Amino acid sequence: KIGLIPDAIVYHKRRTDFVKFFKQLHFFGRARINVYKFF
């Protein structure tokens, strides 16, 4: 059983500028295809 705990919030800094953010999200897009190869 897996679920969301809505009030268990963390403050996630992620990236501090848009160039780093772009690189991170480009990686996330690729990751979705990697997951597809498994499922």
Full PDB file with SEQRES, HELIX, SHEET, SSBOND, CRYST1, ORIGX, SCALE, CONECT and MASTER records, all heavy atoms in Angstrom:
SEQRES   1 A   39  LYS ILE GLY LEU ILE PRO ASP ALA ILE VAL TYR HIS LYS          
SEQRES   2 A   39  ARG ARG THR ASP PHE VAL LYS PHE PHE LYS GLN LEU HIS          
SEQRES   3 A   39  PHE PHE GLY ARG ALA ARG ILE ASN VAL TYR LYS PHE PHE          
HELIX    1 AA1 PHE A   18  PHE A   38  1                                  21    
CRYST1    1.000    1.000    1.000  90.00  90.00  90.00 P 1           1          
ORIGX1      1.000000  0.000000  0.000000        0.00000                         
ORIGX2      0.000000  1.000000  0.000000        0.00000                         
ORIGX3      0.000000  0.000000  1.000000        0.00000                         
SCALE1      1.000000  0.000000  0.000000        0.00000                         
SCALE2      0.000000  1.000000  0.000000        0.00000                         
SCALE3      0.000000  0.000000  1.000000        0.00000                         
ATOM      1  N   LYS A   1       0.834  -1.198   0.000  1.00  0.00           N  
ATOM      2  CA  LYS A   1       0.000   0.000   0.000  1.00  0.00           C  
ATOM      3  C   LYS A   1       0.870   1.249   0.000  1.00  0.00           C  
ATOM      4  O   LYS A   1       1.678   1.467   0.901  1.00  0.00           O  
ATOM      5  CB  LYS A   1      -0.915  -0.003   1.230  1.00  0.00           C  
ATOM      6  CG  LYS A   1      -1.920   1.148   1.252  1.00  0.00           C  
ATOM      7  CD  LYS A   1      -2.818   1.064   2.482  1.00  0.00           C  
ATOM      8  CE  LYS A   1      -3.825   2.200   2.514  1.00  0.00           C  
ATOM      9  NZ  LYS A   1      -4.664   2.143   3.752  1.00  0.00           N  
ATOM     10  N   ILE A   2       0.689   2.080  -1.010  1.00  0.00           N  
ATOM     11  CA  ILE A   2       1.456   3.314  -1.164  1.00  0.00           C  
ATOM     12  C   ILE A   2       0.482   4.478  -1.225  1.00  0.00           C  
ATOM     13  O   ILE A   2      -0.591   4.377  -1.827  1.00  0.00           O  
ATOM     14  CB  ILE A   2       2.312   3.291  -2.445  1.00  0.00           C  
ATOM     15  CG1 ILE A   2       3.264   2.100  -2.434  1.00  0.00           C  
ATOM     16  CG2 ILE A   2       3.107   4.588  -2.593  1.00  0.00           C  
ATOM     17  CD1 ILE A   2       4.152   2.010  -3.658  1.00  0.00           C  
ATOM     18  N   GLY A   3       0.836   5.592  -0.632  1.00  0.00           N  
ATOM     19  CA  GLY A   3      -0.042   6.753  -0.696  1.00  0.00           C  
ATOM     20  C   GLY A   3       0.694   8.053  -0.442  1.00  0.00           C  
ATOM     21  O   GLY A   3       1.873   8.084  -0.064  1.00  0.00           O  
ATOM     22  N   LEU A   4      -0.023   9.118  -0.655  1.00  0.00           N  
ATOM     23  CA  LEU A   4       0.459  10.473  -0.400  1.00  0.00           C  
ATOM     24  C   LEU A   4       0.084  10.881   1.024  1.00  0.00           C  
ATOM     25  O   LEU A   4      -1.042  10.657   1.464  1.00  0.00           O  
ATOM     26  CB  LEU A   4      -0.189  11.441  -1.390  1.00  0.00           C  
ATOM     27  CG  LEU A   4       0.039  12.937  -1.179  1.00  0.00           C  
ATOM     28  CD1 LEU A   4       1.469  13.322  -1.510  1.00  0.00           C  
ATOM     29  CD2 LEU A   4      -0.948  13.755  -2.019  1.00  0.00           C  
ATOM     30  N   ILE A   5       1.034  11.451   1.755  1.00  0.00           N  
ATOM     31  CA  ILE A   5       0.735  12.115   3.025  1.00  0.00           C  
ATOM     32  C   ILE A   5       0.773  13.614   2.732  1.00  0.00           C  
ATOM     33  O   ILE A   5       1.853  14.211   2.662  1.00  0.00           O  
ATOM     34  CB  ILE A   5       1.740  11.729   4.134  1.00  0.00           C  
ATOM     35  CG1 ILE A   5       1.719  10.225   4.357  1.00  0.00           C  
ATOM     36  CG2 ILE A   5       1.411  12.476   5.424  1.00  0.00           C  
ATOM     37  CD1 ILE A   5       2.679   9.731   5.444  1.00  0.00           C  
ATOM     38  N   PRO A   6      -0.383  14.239   2.520  1.00  0.00           N  
ATOM     39  CA  PRO A   6      -0.418  15.612   1.997  1.00  0.00           C  
ATOM     40  C   PRO A   6       0.279  16.645   2.879  1.00  0.00           C  
ATOM     41  O   PRO A   6       0.803  17.641   2.367  1.00  0.00           O  
ATOM     42  CB  PRO A   6      -1.922  15.909   1.890  1.00  0.00           C  
ATOM     43  CG  PRO A   6      -2.580  14.574   1.837  1.00  0.00           C  
ATOM     44  CD  PRO A   6      -1.727  13.675   2.672  1.00  0.00           C  
ATOM     45  N   ASP A   7       0.283  16.407   4.203  1.00  0.00           N  
ATOM     46  CA  ASP A   7       0.878  17.392   5.102  1.00  0.00           C  
ATOM     47  C   ASP A   7       2.363  17.156   5.361  1.00  0.00           C  
ATOM     48  O   ASP A   7       3.002  17.948   6.059  1.00  0.00           O  
ATOM     49  CB  ASP A   7       0.133  17.398   6.440  1.00  0.00           C  
ATOM     50  CG  ASP A   7      -1.311  17.875   6.284  1.00  0.00           C  
ATOM     51  OD1 ASP A   7      -1.556  18.730   5.416  1.00  0.00           O  
ATOM     52  OD2 ASP A   7      -2.173  17.374   7.023  1.00  0.00           O  
ATOM     53  N   ALA A   8       2.915  16.084   4.800  1.00  0.00           N  
ATOM     54  CA  ALA A   8       4.349  15.793   4.980  1.00  0.00           C  
ATOM     55  C   ALA A   8       5.147  16.550   3.923  1.00  0.00           C  
ATOM     56  O   ALA A   8       5.738  15.972   3.005  1.00  0.00           O  
ATOM     57  CB  ALA A   8       4.599  14.295   4.899  1.00  0.00           C  
ATOM     58  N   ILE A   9       5.189  17.850   4.069  1.00  0.00           N  
ATOM     59  CA  ILE A   9       5.817  18.728   3.082  1.00  0.00           C  
ATOM     60  C   ILE A   9       7.300  18.907   3.407  1.00  0.00           C  
ATOM     61  O   ILE A   9       7.692  19.001   4.567  1.00  0.00           O  
ATOM     62  CB  ILE A   9       5.120  20.101   3.077  1.00  0.00           C  
ATOM     63  CG1 ILE A   9       3.658  19.953   2.640  1.00  0.00           C  
ATOM     64  CG2 ILE A   9       5.839  21.089   2.167  1.00  0.00           C  
ATOM     65  CD1 ILE A   9       2.838  21.217   2.828  1.00  0.00           C  
ATOM     66  N   VAL A  10       8.126  18.935   2.372  1.00  0.00           N  
ATOM     67  CA  VAL A  10       9.506  19.389   2.532  1.00  0.00           C  
ATOM     68  C   VAL A  10       9.697  20.612   1.638  1.00  0.00           C  
ATOM     69  O   VAL A  10       8.970  20.808   0.667  1.00  0.00           O  
ATOM     70  CB  VAL A  10      10.533  18.298   2.158  1.00  0.00           C  
ATOM     71  CG1 VAL A  10      10.312  17.046   2.984  1.00  0.00           C  
ATOM     72  CG2 VAL A  10      10.498  17.968   0.670  1.00  0.00           C  
ATOM     73  N   TYR A  11      10.675  21.423   1.985  1.00  0.00           N  
ATOM     74  CA  TYR A  11      11.019  22.589   1.164  1.00  0.00           C  
ATOM     75  C   TYR A  11      12.202  22.202   0.285  1.00  0.00           C  
ATOM     76  O   TYR A  11      13.334  22.062   0.762  1.00  0.00           O  
ATOM     77  CB  TYR A  11      11.363  23.779   2.053  1.00  0.00           C  
ATOM     78  CG  TYR A  11      10.239  24.174   2.985  1.00  0.00           C  
ATOM     79  CD1 TYR A  11      10.407  24.135   4.367  1.00  0.00           C  
ATOM     80  CD2 TYR A  11       9.003  24.579   2.476  1.00  0.00           C  
ATOM     81  CE1 TYR A  11       9.376  24.496   5.226  1.00  0.00           C  
ATOM     82  CE2 TYR A  11       7.966  24.932   3.320  1.00  0.00           C  
ATOM     83  CZ  TYR A  11       8.159  24.890   4.696  1.00  0.00           C  
ATOM     84  OH  TYR A  11       7.132  25.236   5.536  1.00  0.00           O  
ATOM     85  N   HIS A  12      11.910  22.023  -0.999  1.00  0.00           N  
ATOM     86  CA  HIS A  12      12.898  21.480  -1.931  1.00  0.00           C  
ATOM     87  C   HIS A  12      13.492  22.621  -2.749  1.00  0.00           C  
ATOM     88  O   HIS A  12      12.804  23.251  -3.542  1.00  0.00           O  
ATOM     89  CB  HIS A  12      12.212  20.462  -2.849  1.00  0.00           C  
ATOM     90  CG  HIS A  12      13.162  19.556  -3.559  1.00  0.00           C  
ATOM     91  ND1 HIS A  12      12.760  18.678  -4.536  1.00  0.00           N  
ATOM     92  CD2 HIS A  12      14.509  19.390  -3.452  1.00  0.00           C  
ATOM     93  CE1 HIS A  12      13.799  18.018  -4.981  1.00  0.00           C  
ATOM     94  NE2 HIS A  12      14.874  18.435  -4.341  1.00  0.00           N  
ATOM     95  N   LYS A  13      14.788  22.846  -2.579  1.00  0.00           N  
ATOM     96  CA  LYS A  13      15.433  23.969  -3.266  1.00  0.00           C  
ATOM     97  C   LYS A  13      15.542  23.747  -4.767  1.00  0.00           C  
ATOM     98  O   LYS A  13      15.515  24.691  -5.545  1.00  0.00           O  
ATOM     99  CB  LYS A  13      16.849  24.172  -2.697  1.00  0.00           C  
ATOM    100  CG  LYS A  13      16.888  24.618  -1.259  1.00  0.00           C  
ATOM    101  CD  LYS A  13      18.335  24.796  -0.830  1.00  0.00           C  
ATOM    102  CE  LYS A  13      18.429  25.202   0.615  1.00  0.00           C  
ATOM    103  NZ  LYS A  13      19.843  25.333   1.038  1.00  0.00           N  
ATOM    104  N   ARG A  14      15.712  22.516  -5.175  1.00  0.00           N  
ATOM    105  CA  ARG A  14      15.958  22.176  -6.578  1.00  0.00           C  
ATOM    106  C   ARG A  14      17.153  22.964  -7.099  1.00  0.00           C  
ATOM    107  O   ARG A  14      18.217  22.929  -6.524  1.00  0.00           O  
ATOM    108  CB  ARG A  14      14.704  22.400  -7.412  1.00  0.00           C  
ATOM    109  CG  ARG A  14      13.541  21.546  -6.931  1.00  0.00           C  
ATOM    110  CD  ARG A  14      12.361  21.567  -7.870  1.00  0.00           C  
ATOM    111  NE  ARG A  14      11.293  20.765  -7.320  1.00  0.00           N  
ATOM    112  CZ  ARG A  14      11.210  19.454  -7.431  1.00  0.00           C  
ATOM    113  NH1 ARG A  14      12.154  18.800  -8.069  1.00  0.00           N  
ATOM    114  NH2 ARG A  14      10.214  18.784  -6.890  1.00  0.00           N  
ATOM    115  N   ARG A  15      16.987  23.745  -8.147  1.00  0.00           N  
ATOM    116  CA  ARG A  15      18.118  24.457  -8.732  1.00  0.00           C  
ATOM    117  C   ARG A  15      17.986  25.951  -8.484  1.00  0.00           C  
ATOM    118  O   ARG A  15      16.882  26.467  -8.302  1.00  0.00           O  
ATOM    119  CB  ARG A  15      18.221  24.146 -10.225  1.00  0.00           C  
ATOM    120  CG  ARG A  15      18.539  22.682 -10.510  1.00  0.00           C  
ATOM    121  CD  ARG A  15      19.914  22.310  -9.929  1.00  0.00           C  
ATOM    122  NE  ARG A  15      20.242  20.899 -10.131  1.00  0.00           N  
ATOM    123  CZ  ARG A  15      20.202  19.986  -9.187  1.00  0.00           C  
ATOM    124  NH1 ARG A  15      19.813  20.315  -7.965  1.00  0.00           N  
ATOM    125  NH2 ARG A  15      20.536  18.746  -9.443  1.00  0.00           N  
ATOM    126  N   THR A  16      19.120  26.631  -8.509  1.00  0.00           N  
ATOM    127  CA  THR A  16      19.135  28.049  -8.140  1.00  0.00           C  
ATOM    128  C   THR A  16      19.108  28.980  -9.343  1.00  0.00           C  
ATOM    129  O   THR A  16      19.046  30.188  -9.181  1.00  0.00           O  
ATOM    130  CB  THR A  16      20.381  28.367  -7.302  1.00  0.00           C  
ATOM    131  OG1 THR A  16      21.560  27.944  -8.017  1.00  0.00           O  
ATOM    132  CG2 THR A  16      20.330  27.629  -5.965  1.00  0.00           C  
ATOM    133  N   ASP A  17      19.183  28.446 -10.559  1.00  0.00           N  
ATOM    134  CA  ASP A  17      19.046  29.286 -11.753  1.00  0.00           C  
ATOM    135  C   ASP A  17      18.391  28.455 -12.854  1.00  0.00           C  
ATOM    136  O   ASP A  17      18.300  27.225 -12.767  1.00  0.00           O  
ATOM    137  CB  ASP A  17      20.388  29.877 -12.200  1.00  0.00           C  
ATOM    138  CG  ASP A  17      21.414  28.809 -12.589  1.00  0.00           C  
ATOM    139  OD1 ASP A  17      21.124  27.990 -13.477  1.00  0.00           O  
ATOM    140  OD2 ASP A  17      22.505  28.799 -11.991  1.00  0.00           O  
ATOM    141  N   PHE A  18      17.966  29.135 -13.909  1.00  0.00           N  
ATOM    142  CA  PHE A  18      17.180  28.464 -14.939  1.00  0.00           C  
ATOM    143  C   PHE A  18      18.017  27.538 -15.821  1.00  0.00           C  
ATOM    144  O   PHE A  18      17.491  26.581 -16.376  1.00  0.00           O  
ATOM    145  CB  PHE A  18      16.455  29.502 -15.797  1.00  0.00           C  
ATOM    146  CG  PHE A  18      15.344  30.214 -15.060  1.00  0.00           C  
ATOM    147  CD1 PHE A  18      15.292  31.595 -15.008  1.00  0.00           C  
ATOM    148  CD2 PHE A  18      14.362  29.489 -14.406  1.00  0.00           C  
ATOM    149  CE1 PHE A  18      14.272  32.239 -14.327  1.00  0.00           C  
ATOM    150  CE2 PHE A  18      13.341  30.127 -13.707  1.00  0.00           C  
ATOM    151  CZ  PHE A  18      13.304  31.503 -13.674  1.00  0.00           C  
ATOM    152  N   VAL A  19      19.312  27.807 -15.950  1.00  0.00           N  
ATOM    153  CA  VAL A  19      20.172  26.921 -16.744  1.00  0.00           C  
ATOM    154  C   VAL A  19      20.284  25.561 -16.059  1.00  0.00           C  
ATOM    155  O   VAL A  19      20.117  24.503 -16.689  1.00  0.00           O  
ATOM    156  CB  VAL A  19      21.562  27.544 -16.951  1.00  0.00           C  
ATOM    157  CG1 VAL A  19      22.495  26.549 -17.642  1.00  0.00           C  
ATOM    158  CG2 VAL A  19      21.459  28.826 -17.783  1.00  0.00           C  
ATOM    159  N   LYS A  20      20.561  25.566 -14.749  1.00  0.00           N  
ATOM    160  CA  LYS A  20      20.638  24.316 -14.001  1.00  0.00           C  
ATOM    161  C   LYS A  20      19.287  23.607 -13.967  1.00  0.00           C  
ATOM    162  O   LYS A  20      19.207  22.378 -14.039  1.00  0.00           O  
ATOM    163  CB  LYS A  20      21.125  24.587 -12.581  1.00  0.00           C  
ATOM    164  CG  LYS A  20      22.563  25.088 -12.502  1.00  0.00           C  
ATOM    165  CD  LYS A  20      22.945  25.432 -11.072  1.00  0.00           C  
ATOM    166  CE  LYS A  20      24.371  25.963 -10.993  1.00  0.00           C  
ATOM    167  NZ  LYS A  20      24.740  26.379  -9.619  1.00  0.00           N  
ATOM    168  N   PHE A  21      18.224  24.392 -13.858  1.00  0.00           N  
ATOM    169  CA  PHE A  21      16.872  23.819 -13.845  1.00  0.00           C  
ATOM    170  C   PHE A  21      16.565  23.145 -15.177  1.00  0.00           C  
ATOM    171  O   PHE A  21      15.982  22.056 -15.216  1.00  0.00           O  
ATOM    172  CB  PHE A  21      15.863  24.926 -13.550  1.00  0.00           C  
ATOM    173  CG  PHE A  21      14.439  24.461 -13.399  1.00  0.00           C  
ATOM    174  CD1 PHE A  21      14.106  23.435 -12.534  1.00  0.00           C  
ATOM    175  CD2 PHE A  21      13.417  25.067 -14.124  1.00  0.00           C  
ATOM    176  CE1 PHE A  21      12.792  23.008 -12.396  1.00  0.00           C  
ATOM    177  CE2 PHE A  21      12.108  24.655 -13.988  1.00  0.00           C  
ATOM    178  CZ  PHE A  21      11.794  23.617 -13.131  1.00  0.00           C  
ATOM    179  N   PHE A  22      16.972  23.776 -16.282  1.00  0.00           N  
ATOM    180  CA  PHE A  22      16.765  23.189 -17.607  1.00  0.00           C  
ATOM    181  C   PHE A  22      17.463  21.828 -17.694  1.00  0.00           C  
ATOM    182  O   PHE A  22      16.879  20.845 -18.163  1.00  0.00           O  
ATOM    183  CB  PHE A  22      17.293  24.123 -18.694  1.00  0.00           C  
ATOM    184  CG  PHE A  22      17.077  23.616 -20.089  1.00  0.00           C  
ATOM    185  CD1 PHE A  22      15.952  23.987 -20.812  1.00  0.00           C  
ATOM    186  CD2 PHE A  22      17.983  22.741 -20.695  1.00  0.00           C  
ATOM    187  CE1 PHE A  22      15.740  23.509 -22.101  1.00  0.00           C  
ATOM    188  CE2 PHE A  22      17.776  22.257 -21.967  1.00  0.00           C  
ATOM    189  CZ  PHE A  22      16.650  22.649 -22.674  1.00  0.00           C  
ATOM    190  N   LYS A  23      18.714  21.772 -17.245  1.00  0.00           N  
ATOM    191  CA  LYS A  23      19.469  20.511 -17.314  1.00  0.00           C  
ATOM    192  C   LYS A  23      18.795  19.425 -16.475  1.00  0.00           C  
ATOM    193  O   LYS A  23      18.729  18.263 -16.887  1.00  0.00           O  
ATOM    194  CB  LYS A  23      20.900  20.744 -16.829  1.00  0.00           C  
ATOM    195  CG  LYS A  23      21.731  21.616 -17.771  1.00  0.00           C  
ATOM    196  CD  LYS A  23      23.129  21.846 -17.207  1.00  0.00           C  
ATOM    197  CE  LYS A  23      23.957  22.725 -18.137  1.00  0.00           C  
ATOM    198  NZ  LYS A  23      25.318  22.996 -17.581  1.00  0.00           N  
ATOM    199  N   GLN A  24      18.304  19.813 -15.289  1.00  0.00           N  
ATOM    200  CA  GLN A  24      17.644  18.845 -14.421  1.00  0.00           C  
ATOM    201  C   GLN A  24      16.381  18.290 -15.068  1.00  0.00           C  
ATOM    202  O   GLN A  24      16.138  17.078 -15.053  1.00  0.00           O  
ATOM    203  CB  GLN A  24      17.306  19.490 -13.082  1.00  0.00           C  
ATOM    204  CG  GLN A  24      16.677  18.534 -12.083  1.00  0.00           C  
ATOM    205  CD  GLN A  24      16.256  19.223 -10.801  1.00  0.00           C  
ATOM    206  OE1 GLN A  24      15.660  20.294 -10.825  1.00  0.00           O  
ATOM    207  NE2 GLN A  24      16.568  18.616  -9.671  1.00  0.00           N  
ATOM    208  N   LEU A  25      15.570  19.173 -15.654  1.00  0.00           N  
ATOM    209  CA  LEU A  25      14.302  18.716 -16.243  1.00  0.00           C  
ATOM    210  C   LEU A  25      14.518  17.964 -17.542  1.00  0.00           C  
ATOM    211  O   LEU A  25      13.730  17.068 -17.885  1.00  0.00           O  
ATOM    212  CB  LEU A  25      13.374  19.917 -16.440  1.00  0.00           C  
ATOM    213  CG  LEU A  25      12.417  20.195 -15.269  1.00  0.00           C  
ATOM    214  CD1 LEU A  25      11.411  19.050 -15.109  1.00  0.00           C  
ATOM    215  CD2 LEU A  25      13.161  20.388 -13.958  1.00  0.00           C  
ATOM    216  N   HIS A  26      15.564  18.299 -18.276  1.00  0.00           N  
ATOM    217  CA  HIS A  26      15.913  17.522 -19.464  1.00  0.00           C  
ATOM    218  C   HIS A  26      16.224  16.079 -19.046  1.00  0.00           C  
ATOM    219  O   HIS A  26      15.816  15.118 -19.705  1.00  0.00           O  
ATOM    220  CB  HIS A  26      17.120  18.155 -20.162  1.00  0.00           C  
ATOM    221  CG  HIS A  26      17.474  17.521 -21.471  1.00  0.00           C  
ATOM    222  ND1 HIS A  26      18.348  16.462 -21.568  1.00  0.00           N  
ATOM    223  CD2 HIS A  26      17.055  17.797 -22.739  1.00  0.00           C  
ATOM    224  CE1 HIS A  26      18.464  16.108 -22.840  1.00  0.00           C  
ATOM    225  NE2 HIS A  26      17.694  16.891 -23.570  1.00  0.00           N  
ATOM    226  N   PHE A  27      16.921  15.944 -17.939  1.00  0.00           N  
ATOM    227  CA  PHE A  27      17.228  14.630 -17.369  1.00  0.00           C  
ATOM    228  C   PHE A  27      15.950  13.901 -16.974  1.00  0.00           C  
ATOM    229  O   PHE A  27      15.807  12.694 -17.205  1.00  0.00           O  
ATOM    230  CB  PHE A  27      18.146  14.834 -16.167  1.00  0.00           C  
ATOM    231  CG  PHE A  27      18.828  13.590 -15.679  1.00  0.00           C  
ATOM    232  CD1 PHE A  27      19.969  13.107 -16.297  1.00  0.00           C  
ATOM    233  CD2 PHE A  27      18.329  12.892 -14.580  1.00  0.00           C  
ATOM    234  CE1 PHE A  27      20.610  11.965 -15.837  1.00  0.00           C  
ATOM    235  CE2 PHE A  27      18.956  11.755 -14.116  1.00  0.00           C  
ATOM    236  CZ  PHE A  27      20.103  11.279 -14.743  1.00  0.00           C  
ATOM    237  N   PHE A  28      14.990  14.632 -16.389  1.00  0.00           N  
ATOM    238  CA  PHE A  28      13.719  14.020 -15.987  1.00  0.00           C  
ATOM    239  C   PHE A  28      12.948  13.495 -17.199  1.00  0.00           C  
ATOM    240  O   PHE A  28      12.300  12.445 -17.129  1.00  0.00           O  
ATOM    241  CB  PHE A  28      12.849  15.033 -15.246  1.00  0.00           C  
ATOM    242  CG  PHE A  28      13.308  15.347 -13.841  1.00  0.00           C  
ATOM    243  CD1 PHE A  28      12.610  16.261 -13.072  1.00  0.00           C  
ATOM    244  CD2 PHE A  28      14.420  14.741 -13.296  1.00  0.00           C  
ATOM    245  CE1 PHE A  28      13.025  16.563 -11.774  1.00  0.00           C  
ATOM    246  CE2 PHE A  28      14.853  15.030 -12.004  1.00  0.00           C  
ATOM    247  CZ  PHE A  28      14.141  15.945 -11.245  1.00  0.00           C  
ATOM    248  N   GLY A  29      12.988  14.236 -18.297  1.00  0.00           N  
ATOM    249  CA  GLY A  29      12.314  13.784 -19.513  1.00  0.00           C  
ATOM    250  C   GLY A  29      12.898  12.484 -20.030  1.00  0.00           C  
ATOM    251  O   GLY A  29      12.170  11.565 -20.442  1.00  0.00           O  
ATOM    252  N   ARG A  30      14.216  12.404 -20.007  1.00  0.00           N  
ATOM    253  CA  ARG A  30      14.883  11.164 -20.399  1.00  0.00           C  
ATOM    254  C   ARG A  30      14.532  10.029 -19.441  1.00  0.00           C  
ATOM    255  O   ARG A  30      14.384   8.872 -19.857  1.00  0.00           O  
ATOM    256  CB  ARG A  30      16.395  11.382 -20.435  1.00  0.00           C  
ATOM    257  CG  ARG A  30      16.872  12.373 -21.491  1.00  0.00           C  
ATOM    258  CD  ARG A  30      18.385  12.534 -21.420  1.00  0.00           C  
ATOM    259  NE  ARG A  30      19.023  11.245 -21.595  1.00  0.00           N  
ATOM    260  CZ  ARG A  30      20.187  10.899 -21.025  1.00  0.00           C  
ATOM    261  NH1 ARG A  30      20.801  11.732 -20.221  1.00  0.00           N  
ATOM    262  NH2 ARG A  30      20.700   9.703 -21.255  1.00  0.00           N  
ATOM    263  N   ALA A  31      14.399  10.365 -18.163  1.00  0.00           N  
ATOM    264  CA  ALA A  31      14.105   9.341 -17.156  1.00  0.00           C  
ATOM    265  C   ALA A  31      12.770   8.657 -17.413  1.00  0.00           C  
ATOM    266  O   ALA A  31      12.616   7.458 -17.149  1.00  0.00           O  
ATOM    267  CB  ALA A  31      14.115   9.974 -15.761  1.00  0.00           C  
ATOM    268  N   ARG A  32      11.802   9.410 -17.924  1.00  0.00           N  
ATOM    269  CA  ARG A  32      10.490   8.811 -18.180  1.00  0.00           C  
ATOM    270  C   ARG A  32      10.605   7.686 -19.200  1.00  0.00           C  
ATOM    271  O   ARG A  32       9.931   6.649 -19.079  1.00  0.00           O  
ATOM    272  CB  ARG A  32       9.523   9.888 -18.658  1.00  0.00           C  
ATOM    273  CG  ARG A  32       8.145   9.393 -19.029  1.00  0.00           C  
ATOM    274  CD  ARG A  32       7.491   8.543 -17.965  1.00  0.00           C  
ATOM    275  NE  ARG A  32       7.222   9.273 -16.738  1.00  0.00           N  
ATOM    276  CZ  ARG A  32       6.604   8.724 -15.690  1.00  0.00           C  
ATOM    277  NH1 ARG A  32       6.222   7.455 -15.717  1.00  0.00           N  
ATOM    278  NH2 ARG A  32       6.388   9.445 -14.600  1.00  0.00           N  
ATOM    279  N   ILE A  33      11.456   7.840 -20.198  1.00  0.00           N  
ATOM    280  CA  ILE A  33      11.653   6.785 -21.192  1.00  0.00           C  
ATOM    281  C   ILE A  33      12.392   5.608 -20.563  1.00  0.00           C  
ATOM    282  O   ILE A  33      12.131   4.444 -20.880  1.00  0.00           O  
ATOM    283  CB  ILE A  33      12.414   7.321 -22.415  1.00  0.00           C  
ATOM    284  CG1 ILE A  33      11.629   8.458 -23.062  1.00  0.00           C  
ATOM    285  CG2 ILE A  33      12.661   6.213 -23.426  1.00  0.00           C  
ATOM    286  CD1 ILE A  33      10.217   8.095 -23.493  1.00  0.00           C  
ATOM    287  N   ASN A  34      13.316   5.889 -19.647  1.00  0.00           N  
ATOM    288  CA  ASN A  34      14.014   4.808 -18.959  1.00  0.00           C  
ATOM    289  C   ASN A  34      13.033   3.948 -18.157  1.00  0.00           C  
ATOM    290  O   ASN A  34      13.132   2.719 -18.148  1.00  0.00           O  
ATOM    291  CB  ASN A  34      15.087   5.387 -18.036  1.00  0.00           C  
ATOM    292  CG  ASN A  34      16.186   4.389 -17.705  1.00  0.00           C  
ATOM    293  OD1 ASN A  34      16.580   3.596 -18.547  1.00  0.00           O  
ATOM    294  ND2 ASN A  34      16.676   4.427 -16.475  1.00  0.00           N  
ATOM    295  N   VAL A  35      12.073   4.591 -17.503  1.00  0.00           N  
ATOM    296  CA  VAL A  35      11.045   3.857 -16.772  1.00  0.00           C  
ATOM    297  C   VAL A  35      10.188   3.038 -17.742  1.00  0.00           C  
ATOM    298  O   VAL A  35       9.823   1.885 -17.459  1.00  0.00           O  
ATOM    299  CB  VAL A  35      10.166   4.821 -15.950  1.00  0.00           C  
ATOM    300  CG1 VAL A  35       8.978   4.089 -15.336  1.00  0.00           C  
ATOM    301  CG2 VAL A  35      10.987   5.490 -14.855  1.00  0.00           C  
ATOM    302  N   TYR A  36       9.884   3.622 -18.889  1.00  0.00           N  
ATOM    303  CA  TYR A  36       9.095   2.923 -19.917  1.00  0.00           C  
ATOM    304  C   TYR A  36       9.755   1.603 -20.325  1.00  0.00           C  
ATOM    305  O   TYR A  36       9.057   0.603 -20.567  1.00  0.00           O  
ATOM    306  CB  TYR A  36       8.924   3.827 -21.127  1.00  0.00           C  
ATOM    307  CG  TYR A  36       8.500   3.103 -22.389  1.00  0.00           C  
ATOM    308  CD1 TYR A  36       7.171   2.719 -22.593  1.00  0.00           C  
ATOM    309  CD2 TYR A  36       9.433   2.786 -23.378  1.00  0.00           C  
ATOM    310  CE1 TYR A  36       6.790   2.046 -23.745  1.00  0.00           C  
ATOM    311  CE2 TYR A  36       9.066   2.114 -24.526  1.00  0.00           C  
ATOM    312  CZ  TYR A  36       7.742   1.746 -24.702  1.00  0.00           C  
ATOM    313  OH  TYR A  36       7.375   1.075 -25.830  1.00  0.00           O  
ATOM    314  N   LYS A  37      11.083   1.579 -20.379  1.00  0.00           N  
ATOM    315  CA  LYS A  37      11.769   0.359 -20.788  1.00  0.00           C  
ATOM    316  C   LYS A  37      11.560  -0.772 -19.780  1.00  0.00           C  
ATOM    317  O   LYS A  37      11.622  -1.941 -20.135  1.00  0.00           O  
ATOM    318  CB  LYS A  37      13.273   0.634 -20.961  1.00  0.00           C  
ATOM    319  CG  LYS A  37      13.589   1.693 -22.003  1.00  0.00           C  
ATOM    320  CD  LYS A  37      13.104   1.311 -23.393  1.00  0.00           C  
ATOM    321  CE  LYS A  37      13.941   0.231 -24.018  1.00  0.00           C  
ATOM    322  NZ  LYS A  37      13.543  -0.046 -25.420  1.00  0.00           N  
ATOM    323  N   PHE A  38      11.288  -0.420 -18.522  1.00  0.00           N  
ATOM    324  CA  PHE A  38      10.998  -1.422 -17.498  1.00  0.00           C  
ATOM    325  C   PHE A  38       9.504  -1.749 -17.451  1.00  0.00           C  
ATOM    326  O   PHE A  38       9.118  -2.896 -17.260  1.00  0.00           O  
ATOM    327  CB  PHE A  38      11.445  -0.919 -16.121  1.00  0.00           C  
ATOM    328  CG  PHE A  38      12.929  -0.926 -15.913  1.00  0.00           C  
ATOM    329  CD1 PHE A  38      13.700   0.169 -16.262  1.00  0.00           C  
ATOM    330  CD2 PHE A  38      13.569  -2.037 -15.377  1.00  0.00           C  
ATOM    331  CE1 PHE A  38      15.075   0.169 -16.063  1.00  0.00           C  
ATOM    332  CE2 PHE A  38      14.936  -2.042 -15.174  1.00  0.00           C  
ATOM    333  CZ  PHE A  38      15.694  -0.940 -15.530  1.00  0.00           C  
ATOM    334  N   PHE A  39       8.667  -0.716 -17.592  1.00  0.00           N  
ATOM    335  CA  PHE A  39       7.216  -0.871 -17.463  1.00  0.00           C  
ATOM    336  C   PHE A  39       6.523  -0.144 -18.620  1.00  0.00           C  
ATOM    337  O   PHE A  39       6.089   1.000 -18.469  1.00  0.00           O  
ATOM    338  CB  PHE A  39       6.725  -0.305 -16.121  1.00  0.00           C  
ATOM    339  CG  PHE A  39       7.342  -0.948 -14.914  1.00  0.00           C  
ATOM    340  CD1 PHE A  39       8.388  -0.340 -14.240  1.00  0.00           C  
ATOM    341  CD2 PHE A  39       6.885  -2.171 -14.451  1.00  0.00           C  
ATOM    342  CE1 PHE A  39       8.958  -0.918 -13.125  1.00  0.00           C  
ATOM    343  CE2 PHE A  39       7.451  -2.774 -13.331  1.00  0.00           C  
ATOM    344  CZ  PHE A  39       8.493  -2.155 -12.680  1.00  0.00           C  
TER     345      PHE A  39                                                      
MASTER        0    0    0    1    0    0    0    6  344    1    0    3          
END                                                                             
